[in-house]
Structure formats: C-alpha cells, structure tokens
C-alpha cells in the first residue's frame, strides 16, 4: 500500500505526462494540497518508488533555459498506476459513511 505522499507524487506525475520532472511535480503537489514539498522529500520518494518499480526516471537533454542542465524526467509504470488505483479505491471504501461524505441524495453535513 502506498503512503499519502507517494500517492500524491504518482498522481501528479501521471497528470503531467511527458512534462513530469522534479520541479513540475513539486509545483503540482504544492498547488493541489496547499502544503510545502521539500525537494529532498520529493527526490527521496522518487528514488523509493523507482526502486519499487512504480516509476521510471531518466535524464533529459540539457536545455539552455536550465543553464545547460538536464531534467530528471519521471514516468509512472503500469505497476505504479495499479498501486495508485488501489490506494484511491481504499480511500473511497474507508470514506463511506464518514460525516463529510455526501449521502445518497446528494446532501452532506
């Protein structure tokens, strides 16, 4: 089972598609959650998810916009998609009946 931050990282990378790299993923997580994301936590988690086979990374070509530096690109593997879907499904299941979840007629708290 993924942790919350692992899920957020995989989901952000999947949403970014071909534009998924460290800084873009970090920005997506921060904008979506309203919480700060340290670059150290981000890359430690990327490394861990890659070791688990849930992500694949590679270095892009260097670009003038980055002062000749390459980007570490990220792609979610099929196993990563399944892990994220499993996490999401578990959150939905455990949320049933919670007071903040809308009931069958569409009302909530």
PDB file of N, CA and C in Angstrom:
ATOM      1  N   UNK A   1       0.853  -1.181   0.000  1.00  0.00           N
ATOM      2  CA  UNK A   1       0.000   0.000   0.000  1.00  0.00           C
ATOM      3  C   UNK A   1       0.893   1.237   0.000  1.00  0.00           C
ATOM      4  N   UNK A   2       0.540   2.180  -0.826  1.00  0.00           N
ATOM      5  CA  UNK A   2       1.259   3.444  -0.898  1.00  0.00           C
ATOM      6  C   UNK A   2       0.963   4.300   0.322  1.00  0.00           C
ATOM      7  N   UNK A   3       1.876   5.199   0.627  1.00  0.00           N
ATOM      8  CA  UNK A   3       1.609   6.253   1.583  1.00  0.00           C
ATOM      9  C   UNK A   3       0.974   7.432   0.872  1.00  0.00           C
ATOM     10  N   UNK A   4       0.472   8.380   1.645  1.00  0.00           N
ATOM     11  CA  UNK A   4      -0.207   9.541   1.070  1.00  0.00           C
ATOM     12  C   UNK A   4       0.707  10.319   0.115  1.00  0.00           C
ATOM     13  N   UNK A   5       1.931  10.620   0.540  1.00  0.00           N
ATOM     14  CA  UNK A   5       2.826  11.408  -0.303  1.00  0.00           C
ATOM     15  C   UNK A   5       3.214  10.638  -1.562  1.00  0.00           C
ATOM     16  N   UNK A   6       3.419   9.336  -1.432  1.00  0.00           N
ATOM     17  CA  UNK A   6       3.719   8.516  -2.611  1.00  0.00           C
ATOM     18  C   UNK A   6       2.573   8.593  -3.616  1.00  0.00           C
ATOM     19  N   UNK A   7       1.342   8.504  -3.101  1.00  0.00           N
ATOM     20  CA  UNK A   7       0.167   8.602  -3.965  1.00  0.00           C
ATOM     21  C   UNK A   7       0.117   9.963  -4.660  1.00  0.00           C
ATOM     22  N   UNK A   8       0.344  11.032  -3.899  1.00  0.00           N
ATOM     23  CA  UNK A   8       0.315  12.368  -4.490  1.00  0.00           C
ATOM     24  C   UNK A   8       1.371  12.508  -5.583  1.00  0.00           C
ATOM     25  N   UNK A   9       2.560  11.990  -5.334  1.00  0.00           N
ATOM     26  CA  UNK A   9       3.648  12.083  -6.304  1.00  0.00           C
ATOM     27  C   UNK A   9       3.318  11.313  -7.582  1.00  0.00           C
ATOM     28  N   UNK A  10       2.858  10.083  -7.440  1.00  0.00           N
ATOM     29  CA  UNK A  10       2.497   9.280  -8.615  1.00  0.00           C
ATOM     30  C   UNK A  10       1.368   9.950  -9.394  1.00  0.00           C
ATOM     31  N   UNK A  11       0.368  10.456  -8.690  1.00  0.00           N
ATOM     32  CA  UNK A  11      -0.773  11.085  -9.345  1.00  0.00           C
ATOM     33  C   UNK A  11      -0.366  12.366 -10.062  1.00  0.00           C
ATOM     34  N   UNK A  12       0.486  13.166  -9.424  1.00  0.00           N
ATOM     35  CA  UNK A  12       0.967  14.383 -10.072  1.00  0.00           C
ATOM     36  C   UNK A  12       1.778  14.039 -11.321  1.00  0.00           C
ATOM     37  N   UNK A  13       2.663  13.054 -11.220  1.00  0.00           N
ATOM     38  CA  UNK A  13       3.479  12.647 -12.371  1.00  0.00           C
ATOM     39  C   UNK A  13       2.590  12.136 -13.502  1.00  0.00           C
ATOM     40  N   UNK A  14       1.587  11.351 -13.178  1.00  0.00           N
ATOM     41  CA  UNK A  14       0.684  10.826 -14.201  1.00  0.00           C
ATOM     42  C   UNK A  14      -0.062  11.968 -14.883  1.00  0.00           C
ATOM     43  N   UNK A  15      -0.505  12.936 -14.120  1.00  0.00           N
ATOM     44  CA  UNK A  15      -1.227  14.072 -14.681  1.00  0.00           C
ATOM     45  C   UNK A  15      -0.365  14.949 -15.568  1.00  0.00           C
ATOM     46  N   UNK A  16       0.911  15.054 -15.236  1.00  0.00           N
ATOM     47  CA  UNK A  16       1.831  15.868 -16.028  1.00  0.00           C
ATOM     48  C   UNK A  16       2.286  15.171 -17.305  1.00  0.00           C
ATOM     49  N   UNK A  17       2.183  13.850 -17.332  1.00  0.00           N
ATOM     50  CA  UNK A  17       2.544  13.090 -18.532  1.00  0.00           C
ATOM     51  C   UNK A  17       3.984  13.311 -18.947  1.00  0.00           C
ATOM     52  N   UNK A  18       4.192  13.697 -20.211  1.00  0.00           N
ATOM     53  CA  UNK A  18       5.544  13.892 -20.756  1.00  0.00           C
ATOM     54  C   UNK A  18       6.276  15.083 -20.139  1.00  0.00           C
ATOM     55  N   UNK A  19       5.578  15.893 -19.368  1.00  0.00           N
ATOM     56  CA  UNK A  19       6.187  17.072 -18.735  1.00  0.00           C
ATOM     57  C   UNK A  19       6.516  16.819 -17.267  1.00  0.00           C
ATOM     58  N   UNK A  20       6.497  15.550 -16.844  1.00  0.00           N
ATOM     59  CA  UNK A  20       6.741  15.211 -15.438  1.00  0.00           C
ATOM     60  C   UNK A  20       8.232  15.167 -15.140  1.00  0.00           C
ATOM     61  N   UNK A  21       8.675  16.093 -14.321  1.00  0.00           N
ATOM     62  CA  UNK A  21      10.035  16.094 -13.791  1.00  0.00           C
ATOM     63  C   UNK A  21       9.961  16.729 -12.406  1.00  0.00           C
ATOM     64  N   UNK A  22      11.037  16.654 -11.654  1.00  0.00           N
ATOM     65  CA  UNK A  22      11.016  17.035 -10.244  1.00  0.00           C
ATOM     66  C   UNK A  22      10.326  18.348  -9.922  1.00  0.00           C
ATOM     67  N   UNK A  23      10.788  19.451 -10.507  1.00  0.00           N
ATOM     68  CA  UNK A  23      10.223  20.765 -10.172  1.00  0.00           C
ATOM     69  C   UNK A  23       8.743  20.866 -10.532  1.00  0.00           C
ATOM     70  N   UNK A  24       8.344  20.308 -11.667  1.00  0.00           N
ATOM     71  CA  UNK A  24       6.936  20.368 -12.085  1.00  0.00           C
ATOM     72  C   UNK A  24       6.059  19.530 -11.149  1.00  0.00           C
ATOM     73  N   UNK A  25       6.556  18.368 -10.734  1.00  0.00           N
ATOM     74  CA  UNK A  25       5.808  17.517  -9.802  1.00  0.00           C
ATOM     75  C   UNK A  25       5.656  18.231  -8.468  1.00  0.00           C
ATOM     76  N   UNK A  26       6.743  18.824  -7.992  1.00  0.00           N
ATOM     77  CA  UNK A  26       6.717  19.560  -6.725  1.00  0.00           C
ATOM     78  C   UNK A  26       5.683  20.679  -6.783  1.00  0.00           C
ATOM     79  N   UNK A  27       5.698  21.449  -7.855  1.00  0.00           N
ATOM     80  CA  UNK A  27       4.749  22.550  -8.017  1.00  0.00           C
ATOM     81  C   UNK A  27       3.303  22.039  -8.032  1.00  0.00           C
ATOM     82  N   UNK A  28       3.062  20.950  -8.734  1.00  0.00           N
ATOM     83  CA  UNK A  28       1.708  20.370  -8.801  1.00  0.00           C
ATOM     84  C   UNK A  28       1.231  19.932  -7.419  1.00  0.00           C
ATOM     85  N   UNK A  29       2.100  19.278  -6.665  1.00  0.00           N
ATOM     86  CA  UNK A  29       1.732  18.830  -5.314  1.00  0.00           C
ATOM     87  C   UNK A  29       1.440  20.035  -4.422  1.00  0.00           C
ATOM     88  N   UNK A  30       2.290  21.051  -4.465  1.00  0.00           N
ATOM     89  CA  UNK A  30       2.095  22.231  -3.625  1.00  0.00           C
ATOM     90  C   UNK A  30       0.811  22.975  -3.986  1.00  0.00           C
ATOM     91  N   UNK A  31       0.542  23.133  -5.282  1.00  0.00           N
ATOM     92  CA  UNK A  31      -0.679  23.819  -5.712  1.00  0.00           C
ATOM     93  C   UNK A  31      -1.929  23.026  -5.350  1.00  0.00           C
ATOM     94  N   UNK A  32      -1.856  21.712  -5.471  1.00  0.00           N
ATOM     95  CA  UNK A  32      -3.027  20.867  -5.222  1.00  0.00           C
ATOM     96  C   UNK A  32      -3.343  20.714  -3.740  1.00  0.00           C
ATOM     97  N   UNK A  33      -2.313  20.687  -2.907  1.00  0.00           N
ATOM     98  CA  UNK A  33      -2.526  20.422  -1.477  1.00  0.00           C
ATOM     99  C   UNK A  33      -2.438  21.660  -0.602  1.00  0.00           C
ATOM    100  N   UNK A  34      -1.789  22.714  -1.124  1.00  0.00           N
ATOM    101  CA  UNK A  34      -1.575  23.899  -0.302  1.00  0.00           C
ATOM    102  C   UNK A  34      -0.485  23.703   0.734  1.00  0.00           C
ATOM    103  N   UNK A  35       0.288  22.635   0.599  1.00  0.00           N
ATOM    104  CA  UNK A  35       1.365  22.330   1.544  1.00  0.00           C
ATOM    105  C   UNK A  35       2.702  22.420   0.825  1.00  0.00           C
ATOM    106  N   UNK A  36       3.735  22.786   1.571  1.00  0.00           N
ATOM    107  CA  UNK A  36       5.090  22.842   1.022  1.00  0.00           C
ATOM    108  C   UNK A  36       5.608  21.422   0.812  1.00  0.00           C
ATOM    109  N   UNK A  37       6.425  21.262  -0.199  1.00  0.00           N
ATOM    110  CA  UNK A  37       7.025  19.974  -0.547  1.00  0.00           C
ATOM    111  C   UNK A  37       8.520  20.194  -0.673  1.00  0.00           C
ATOM    112  N   UNK A  38       9.304  19.625   0.235  1.00  0.00           N
ATOM    113  CA  UNK A  38      10.752  19.829   0.148  1.00  0.00           C
ATOM    114  C   UNK A  38      11.312  19.024  -1.018  1.00  0.00           C
ATOM    115  N   UNK A  39      12.335  19.567  -1.646  1.00  0.00           N
ATOM    116  CA  UNK A  39      12.956  18.895  -2.782  1.00  0.00           C
ATOM    117  C   UNK A  39      13.601  17.588  -2.323  1.00  0.00           C
ATOM    118  N   UNK A  40      14.112  17.573  -1.097  1.00  0.00           N
ATOM    119  CA  UNK A  40      14.712  16.349  -0.558  1.00  0.00           C
ATOM    120  C   UNK A  40      13.695  15.234  -0.404  1.00  0.00           C
ATOM    121  N   UNK A  41      12.533  15.566   0.152  1.00  0.00           N
ATOM    122  CA  UNK A  41      11.467  14.565   0.312  1.00  0.00           C
ATOM    123  C   UNK A  41      10.995  14.078  -1.052  1.00  0.00           C
ATOM    124  N   UNK A  42      10.902  14.998  -2.004  1.00  0.00           N
ATOM    125  CA  UNK A  42      10.448  14.639  -3.342  1.00  0.00           C
ATOM    126  C   UNK A  42      11.392  13.619  -3.976  1.00  0.00           C
ATOM    127  N   UNK A  43      12.686  13.927  -4.006  1.00  0.00           N
ATOM    128  CA  UNK A  43      13.625  13.035  -4.684  1.00  0.00           C
ATOM    129  C   UNK A  43      13.870  11.740  -3.913  1.00  0.00           C
ATOM    130  N   UNK A  44      13.777  11.773  -2.587  1.00  0.00           N
ATOM    131  CA  UNK A  44      13.868  10.536  -1.808  1.00  0.00           C
ATOM    132  C   UNK A  44      12.701   9.620  -2.154  1.00  0.00           C
ATOM    133  N   UNK A  45      11.524  10.205  -2.289  1.00  0.00           N
ATOM    134  CA  UNK A  45      10.337   9.418  -2.624  1.00  0.00           C
ATOM    135  C   UNK A  45      10.397   8.926  -4.070  1.00  0.00           C
ATOM    136  N   UNK A  46      10.870   9.745  -4.980  1.00  0.00           N
ATOM    137  CA  UNK A  46      11.045   9.300  -6.366  1.00  0.00           C
ATOM    138  C   UNK A  46      11.983   8.098  -6.403  1.00  0.00           C
ATOM    139  N   UNK A  47      13.099   8.192  -5.690  1.00  0.00           N
ATOM    140  CA  UNK A  47      14.051   7.070  -5.654  1.00  0.00           C
ATOM    141  C   UNK A  47      13.397   5.804  -5.102  1.00  0.00           C
ATOM    142  N   UNK A  48      12.646   5.942  -4.007  1.00  0.00           N
ATOM    143  CA  UNK A  48      11.987   4.791  -3.390  1.00  0.00           C
ATOM    144  C   UNK A  48      10.958   4.167  -4.337  1.00  0.00           C
ATOM    145  N   UNK A  49      10.170   5.005  -4.997  1.00  0.00           N
ATOM    146  CA  UNK A  49       9.151   4.494  -5.919  1.00  0.00           C
ATOM    147  C   UNK A  49       9.788   3.851  -7.147  1.00  0.00           C
ATOM    148  N   UNK A  50      10.925   4.366  -7.577  1.00  0.00           N
ATOM    149  CA  UNK A  50      11.615   3.745  -8.700  1.00  0.00           C
ATOM    150  C   UNK A  50      12.172   2.377  -8.285  1.00  0.00           C
ATOM    151  N   UNK A  51      12.714   2.282  -7.083  1.00  0.00           N
ATOM    152  CA  UNK A  51      13.218   1.004  -6.579  1.00  0.00           C
ATOM    153  C   UNK A  51      12.092  -0.032  -6.503  1.00  0.00           C
ATOM    154  N   UNK A  52      10.897   0.416  -6.155  1.00  0.00           N
ATOM    155  CA  UNK A  52       9.727  -0.472  -6.082  1.00  0.00           C
ATOM    156  C   UNK A  52       9.170  -0.809  -7.465  1.00  0.00           C
ATOM    157  N   UNK A  53       9.669  -0.155  -8.513  1.00  0.00           N
ATOM    158  CA  UNK A  53       9.184  -0.408  -9.865  1.00  0.00           C
ATOM    159  C   UNK A  53       7.927   0.360 -10.222  1.00  0.00           C
ATOM    160  N   UNK A  54       7.586   1.386  -9.437  1.00  0.00           N
ATOM    161  CA  UNK A  54       6.354   2.133  -9.669  1.00  0.00           C
ATOM    162  C   UNK A  54       6.578   3.369 -10.538  1.00  0.00           C
ATOM    163  N   UNK A  55       7.832   3.794 -10.642  1.00  0.00           N
ATOM    164  CA  UNK A  55       8.229   4.907 -11.501  1.00  0.00           C
ATOM    165  C   UNK A  55       9.459   4.503 -12.289  1.00  0.00           C
ATOM    166  N   UNK A  56       9.668   5.190 -13.395  1.00  0.00           N
ATOM    167  CA  UNK A  56      10.889   5.059 -14.184  1.00  0.00           C
ATOM    168  C   UNK A  56      11.404   6.477 -14.385  1.00  0.00           C
ATOM    169  N   UNK A  57      12.710   6.691 -14.180  1.00  0.00           N
ATOM    170  CA  UNK A  57      13.276   8.014 -14.407  1.00  0.00           C
ATOM    171  C   UNK A  57      14.431   7.940 -15.397  1.00  0.00           C
ATOM    172  N   UNK A  58      14.705   9.057 -16.037  1.00  0.00           N
ATOM    173  CA  UNK A  58      15.834   9.185 -16.941  1.00  0.00           C
ATOM    174  C   UNK A  58      16.172  10.665 -17.042  1.00  0.00           C
ATOM    175  N   UNK A  59      17.378  10.961 -17.505  1.00  0.00           N
ATOM    176  CA  UNK A  59      17.811  12.344 -17.662  1.00  0.00           C
ATOM    177  C   UNK A  59      17.498  12.816 -19.077  1.00  0.00           C
ATOM    178  N   UNK A  60      16.884  13.989 -19.158  1.00  0.00           N
ATOM    179  CA  UNK A  60      16.589  14.599 -20.460  1.00  0.00           C
ATOM    180  C   UNK A  60      17.857  15.234 -21.009  1.00  0.00           C
ATOM    181  N   UNK A  61      17.752  15.732 -22.208  1.00  0.00           N
ATOM    182  CA  UNK A  61      18.855  16.508 -22.771  1.00  0.00           C
ATOM    183  C   UNK A  61      18.969  17.821 -22.002  1.00  0.00           C
ATOM    184  N   UNK A  62      20.163  18.351 -21.933  1.00  0.00           N
ATOM    185  CA  UNK A  62      20.382  19.649 -21.296  1.00  0.00           C
ATOM    186  C   UNK A  62      19.681  20.737 -22.115  1.00  0.00           C
ATOM    187  N   UNK A  63      19.195  21.759 -21.425  1.00  0.00           N
ATOM    188  CA  UNK A  63      18.499  22.844 -22.114  1.00  0.00           C
ATOM    189  C   UNK A  63      19.120  24.187 -21.732  1.00  0.00           C
ATOM    190  N   UNK A  64      19.125  25.134 -22.658  1.00  0.00           N
ATOM    191  CA  UNK A  64      19.666  26.468 -22.344  1.00  0.00           C
ATOM    192  C   UNK A  64      18.865  27.160 -21.237  1.00  0.00           C
ATOM    193  N   UNK A  65      17.552  26.906 -21.180  1.00  0.00           N
ATOM    194  CA  UNK A  65      16.701  27.529 -20.165  1.00  0.00           C
ATOM    195  C   UNK A  65      17.108  27.117 -18.755  1.00  0.00           C
ATOM    196  N   UNK A  66      17.752  25.978 -18.617  1.00  0.00           N
ATOM    197  CA  UNK A  66      18.182  25.484 -17.305  1.00  0.00           C
ATOM    198  C   UNK A  66      19.694  25.637 -17.134  1.00  0.00           C
ATOM    199  N   UNK A  67      20.285  26.539 -17.885  1.00  0.00           N
ATOM    200  CA  UNK A  67      21.716  26.762 -17.762  1.00  0.00           C
ATOM    201  C   UNK A  67      22.552  25.573 -18.207  1.00  0.00           C
ATOM    202  N   UNK A  68      22.025  24.818 -19.169  1.00  0.00           N
ATOM    203  CA  UNK A  68      22.746  23.661 -19.682  1.00  0.00           C
ATOM    204  C   UNK A  68      22.573  22.400 -18.850  1.00  0.00           C
ATOM    205  N   UNK A  69      21.677  22.447 -17.876  1.00  0.00           N
ATOM    206  CA  UNK A  69      21.431  21.262 -17.041  1.00  0.00           C
ATOM    207  C   UNK A  69      20.286  20.431 -17.608  1.00  0.00           C
ATOM    208  N   UNK A  70      20.355  19.141 -17.342  1.00  0.00           N
ATOM    209  CA  UNK A  70      19.302  18.217 -17.767  1.00  0.00           C
ATOM    210  C   UNK A  70      18.230  18.117 -16.671  1.00  0.00           C
ATOM    211  N   UNK A  71      17.043  17.666 -17.063  1.00  0.00           N
ATOM    212  CA  UNK A  71      15.951  17.410 -16.121  1.00  0.00           C
ATOM    213  C   UNK A  71      15.889  15.914 -15.854  1.00  0.00           C
ATOM    214  N   UNK A  72      15.536  15.540 -14.634  1.00  0.00           N
ATOM    215  CA  UNK A  72      15.269  14.136 -14.319  1.00  0.00           C
ATOM    216  C   UNK A  72      13.785  13.905 -14.588  1.00  0.00           C
ATOM    217  N   UNK A  73      13.498  13.258 -15.692  1.00  0.00           N
ATOM    218  CA  UNK A  73      12.126  13.017 -16.112  1.00  0.00           C
ATOM    219  C   UNK A  73      11.563  11.808 -15.381  1.00  0.00           C
ATOM    220  N   UNK A  74      10.247  11.793 -15.216  1.00  0.00           N
ATOM    221  CA  UNK A  74       9.570  10.734 -14.456  1.00  0.00           C
ATOM    222  C   UNK A  74       8.404  10.200 -15.269  1.00  0.00           C
ATOM    223  N   UNK A  75       8.282   8.881 -15.299  1.00  0.00           N
ATOM    224  CA  UNK A  75       7.134   8.228 -15.939  1.00  0.00           C
ATOM    225  C   UNK A  75       6.583   7.200 -14.972  1.00  0.00           C
ATOM    226  N   UNK A  76       5.281   7.147 -14.835  1.00  0.00           N
ATOM    227  CA  UNK A  76       4.623   6.157 -13.983  1.00  0.00           C
ATOM    228  C   UNK A  76       4.546   4.842 -14.752  1.00  0.00           C
ATOM    229  N   UNK A  77       4.952   3.755 -14.114  1.00  0.00           N
ATOM    230  CA  UNK A  77       4.889   2.435 -14.745  1.00  0.00           C
ATOM    231  C   UNK A  77       3.479   1.863 -14.594  1.00  0.00           C
ATOM    232  N   UNK A  78       3.154   0.805 -15.349  1.00  0.00           N
ATOM    233  CA  UNK A  78       1.848   0.161 -15.156  1.00  0.00           C
ATOM    234  C   UNK A  78       1.647  -0.297 -13.702  1.00  0.00           C
ATOM    235  N   UNK A  79       2.712  -0.751 -13.047  1.00  0.00           N
ATOM    236  CA  UNK A  79       2.611  -1.158 -11.633  1.00  0.00           C
ATOM    237  C   UNK A  79       2.304   0.047 -10.752  1.00  0.00           C
ATOM    238  N   UNK A  80       2.851   1.210 -11.120  1.00  0.00           N
ATOM    239  CA  UNK A  80       2.559   2.432 -10.383  1.00  0.00           C
ATOM    240  C   UNK A  80       1.112   2.850 -10.526  1.00  0.00           C
ATOM    241  N   UNK A  81       0.575   2.698 -11.728  1.00  0.00           N
ATOM    242  CA  UNK A  81      -0.841   3.007 -11.960  1.00  0.00           C
ATOM    243  C   UNK A  81      -1.719   2.112 -11.087  1.00  0.00           C
ATOM    244  N   UNK A  82      -1.410   0.827 -11.052  1.00  0.00           N
ATOM    245  CA  UNK A  82      -2.197  -0.111 -10.225  1.00  0.00           C
ATOM    246  C   UNK A  82      -2.100   0.224  -8.745  1.00  0.00           C
ATOM    247  N   UNK A  83      -0.902   0.581  -8.275  1.00  0.00           N
ATOM    248  CA  UNK A  83      -0.718   0.925  -6.864  1.00  0.00           C
ATOM    249  C   UNK A  83      -1.510   2.182  -6.511  1.00  0.00           C
ATOM    250  N   UNK A  84      -1.490   3.181  -7.381  1.00  0.00           N
ATOM    251  CA  UNK A  84      -2.245   4.412  -7.133  1.00  0.00           C
ATOM    252  C   UNK A  84      -3.746   4.143  -7.153  1.00  0.00           C
ATOM    253  N   UNK A  85      -4.191   3.333  -8.100  1.00  0.00           N
ATOM    254  CA  UNK A  85      -5.616   2.990  -8.166  1.00  0.00           C
ATOM    255  C   UNK A  85      -6.045   2.238  -6.918  1.00  0.00           C
ATOM    256  N   UNK A  86      -5.218   1.330  -6.440  1.00  0.00           N
ATOM    257  CA  UNK A  86      -5.517   0.574  -5.225  1.00  0.00           C
ATOM    258  C   UNK A  86      -5.619   1.502  -4.018  1.00  0.00           C
ATOM    259  N   UNK A  87      -4.699   2.460  -3.913  1.00  0.00           N
ATOM    260  CA  UNK A  87      -4.742   3.430  -2.817  1.00  0.00           C
ATOM    261  C   UNK A  87      -6.028   4.248  -2.887  1.00  0.00           C
ATOM    262  N   UNK A  88      -6.328   4.773  -4.068  1.00  0.00           N
ATOM    263  CA  UNK A  88      -7.527   5.584  -4.266  1.00  0.00           C
ATOM    264  C   UNK A  88      -8.789   4.792  -3.905  1.00  0.00           C
ATOM    265  N   UNK A  89      -8.872   3.560  -4.389  1.00  0.00           N
ATOM    266  CA  UNK A  89     -10.033   2.722  -4.093  1.00  0.00           C
ATOM    267  C   UNK A  89     -10.174   2.468  -2.597  1.00  0.00           C
ATOM    268  N   UNK A  90      -9.054   2.271  -1.894  1.00  0.00           N
ATOM    269  CA  UNK A  90      -9.087   2.052  -0.449  1.00  0.00           C
ATOM    270  C   UNK A  90      -9.600   3.299   0.275  1.00  0.00           C
ATOM    271  N   UNK A  91      -9.178   4.481  -0.170  1.00  0.00           N
ATOM    272  CA  UNK A  91      -9.653   5.726   0.447  1.00  0.00           C
ATOM    273  C   UNK A  91     -11.156   5.875   0.232  1.00  0.00           C
ATOM    274  N   UNK A  92     -11.611   5.571  -0.957  1.00  0.00           N
ATOM    275  CA  UNK A  92     -13.055   5.651  -1.232  1.00  0.00           C
ATOM    276  C   UNK A  92     -13.825   4.678  -0.337  1.00  0.00           C
ATOM    277  N   UNK A  93     -13.340   3.443  -0.227  1.00  0.00           N
ATOM    278  CA  UNK A  93     -14.033   2.439   0.601  1.00  0.00           C
ATOM    279  C   UNK A  93     -14.084   2.849   2.072  1.00  0.00           C
ATOM    280  N   UNK A  94     -12.968   3.291   2.598  1.00  0.00           N
ATOM    281  CA  UNK A  94     -12.924   3.639   4.017  1.00  0.00           C
ATOM    282  C   UNK A  94     -13.708   4.923   4.304  1.00  0.00           C
ATOM    283  N   UNK A  95     -13.911   5.751   3.292  1.00  0.00           N
ATOM    284  CA  UNK A  95     -14.619   7.011   3.475  1.00  0.00           C
ATOM    285  C   UNK A  95     -16.135   6.849   3.527  1.00  0.00           C
ATOM    286  N   UNK A  96     -16.623   5.720   3.063  1.00  0.00           N
ATOM    287  CA  UNK A  96     -18.079   5.515   3.074  1.00  0.00           C
ATOM    288  C   UNK A  96     -18.610   5.656   4.501  1.00  0.00           C
ATOM    289  N   UNK A  97     -19.624   6.435   4.642  1.00  0.00           N
ATOM    290  CA  UNK A  97     -20.246   6.618   5.939  1.00  0.00           C
ATOM    291  C   UNK A  97     -19.633   7.733   6.766  1.00  0.00           C
ATOM    292  N   UNK A  98     -18.524   8.317   6.325  1.00  0.00           N
ATOM    293  CA  UNK A  98     -17.927   9.435   7.055  1.00  0.00           C
ATOM    294  C   UNK A  98     -18.857  10.641   6.970  1.00  0.00           C
ATOM    295  N   UNK A  99     -18.884  11.433   8.010  1.00  0.00           N
ATOM    296  CA  UNK A  99     -19.835  12.539   8.085  1.00  0.00           C
ATOM    297  C   UNK A  99     -19.661  13.571   6.979  1.00  0.00           C
ATOM    298  N   UNK A 100     -18.481  13.713   6.432  1.00  0.00           N
ATOM    299  CA  UNK A 100     -18.251  14.723   5.396  1.00  0.00           C
ATOM    300  C   UNK A 100     -18.502  14.219   3.983  1.00  0.00           C
ATOM    301  N   UNK A 101     -18.828  12.949   3.834  1.00  0.00           N
ATOM    302  CA  UNK A 101     -19.093  12.373   2.519  1.00  0.00           C
ATOM    303  C   UNK A 101     -20.578  12.531   2.221  1.00  0.00           C
ATOM    304  N   UNK A 102     -20.897  13.016   1.027  1.00  0.00           N
ATOM    305  CA  UNK A 102     -22.289  13.208   0.630  1.00  0.00           C
ATOM    306  C   UNK A 102     -23.040  11.882   0.686  1.00  0.00           C
ATOM    307  N   UNK A 103     -24.266  11.928   1.181  1.00  0.00           N
ATOM    308  CA  UNK A 103     -25.070  10.700   1.211  1.00  0.00           C
ATOM    309  C   UNK A 103     -25.753  10.469  -0.127  1.00  0.00           C
ATOM    310  N   UNK A 104     -26.578   9.472  -0.193  1.00  0.00           N
ATOM    311  CA  UNK A 104     -27.174   9.063  -1.464  1.00  0.00           C
ATOM    312  C   UNK A 104     -28.035  10.129  -2.125  1.00  0.00           C
ATOM    313  N   UNK A 105     -28.639  11.014  -1.368  1.00  0.00           N
ATOM    314  CA  UNK A 105     -29.486  12.023  -2.009  1.00  0.00           C
ATOM    315  C   UNK A 105     -28.723  13.307  -2.313  1.00  0.00           C
ATOM    316  N   UNK A 106     -27.377  13.251  -2.194  1.00  0.00           N
ATOM    317  CA  UNK A 106     -26.566  14.366  -2.623  1.00  0.00           C
ATOM    318  C   UNK A 106     -26.269  15.400  -1.569  1.00  0.00           C
ATOM    319  N   UNK A 107     -26.816  15.257  -0.375  1.00  0.00           N
ATOM    320  CA  UNK A 107     -26.508  16.252   0.662  1.00  0.00           C
ATOM    321  C   UNK A 107     -25.337  15.780   1.503  1.00  0.00           C
ATOM    322  N   UNK A 108     -24.698  16.729   2.140  1.00  0.00           N
ATOM    323  CA  UNK A 108     -23.618  16.411   3.056  1.00  0.00           C
ATOM    324  C   UNK A 108     -23.859  17.209   4.337  1.00  0.00           C
ATOM    325  N   UNK A 109     -22.953  17.111   5.262  1.00  0.00           N
ATOM    326  CA  UNK A 109     -23.096  17.812   6.550  1.00  0.00           C
ATOM    327  C   UNK A 109     -24.101  18.886   6.435  1.00  0.00           C
TER     328      UNK A 109
END
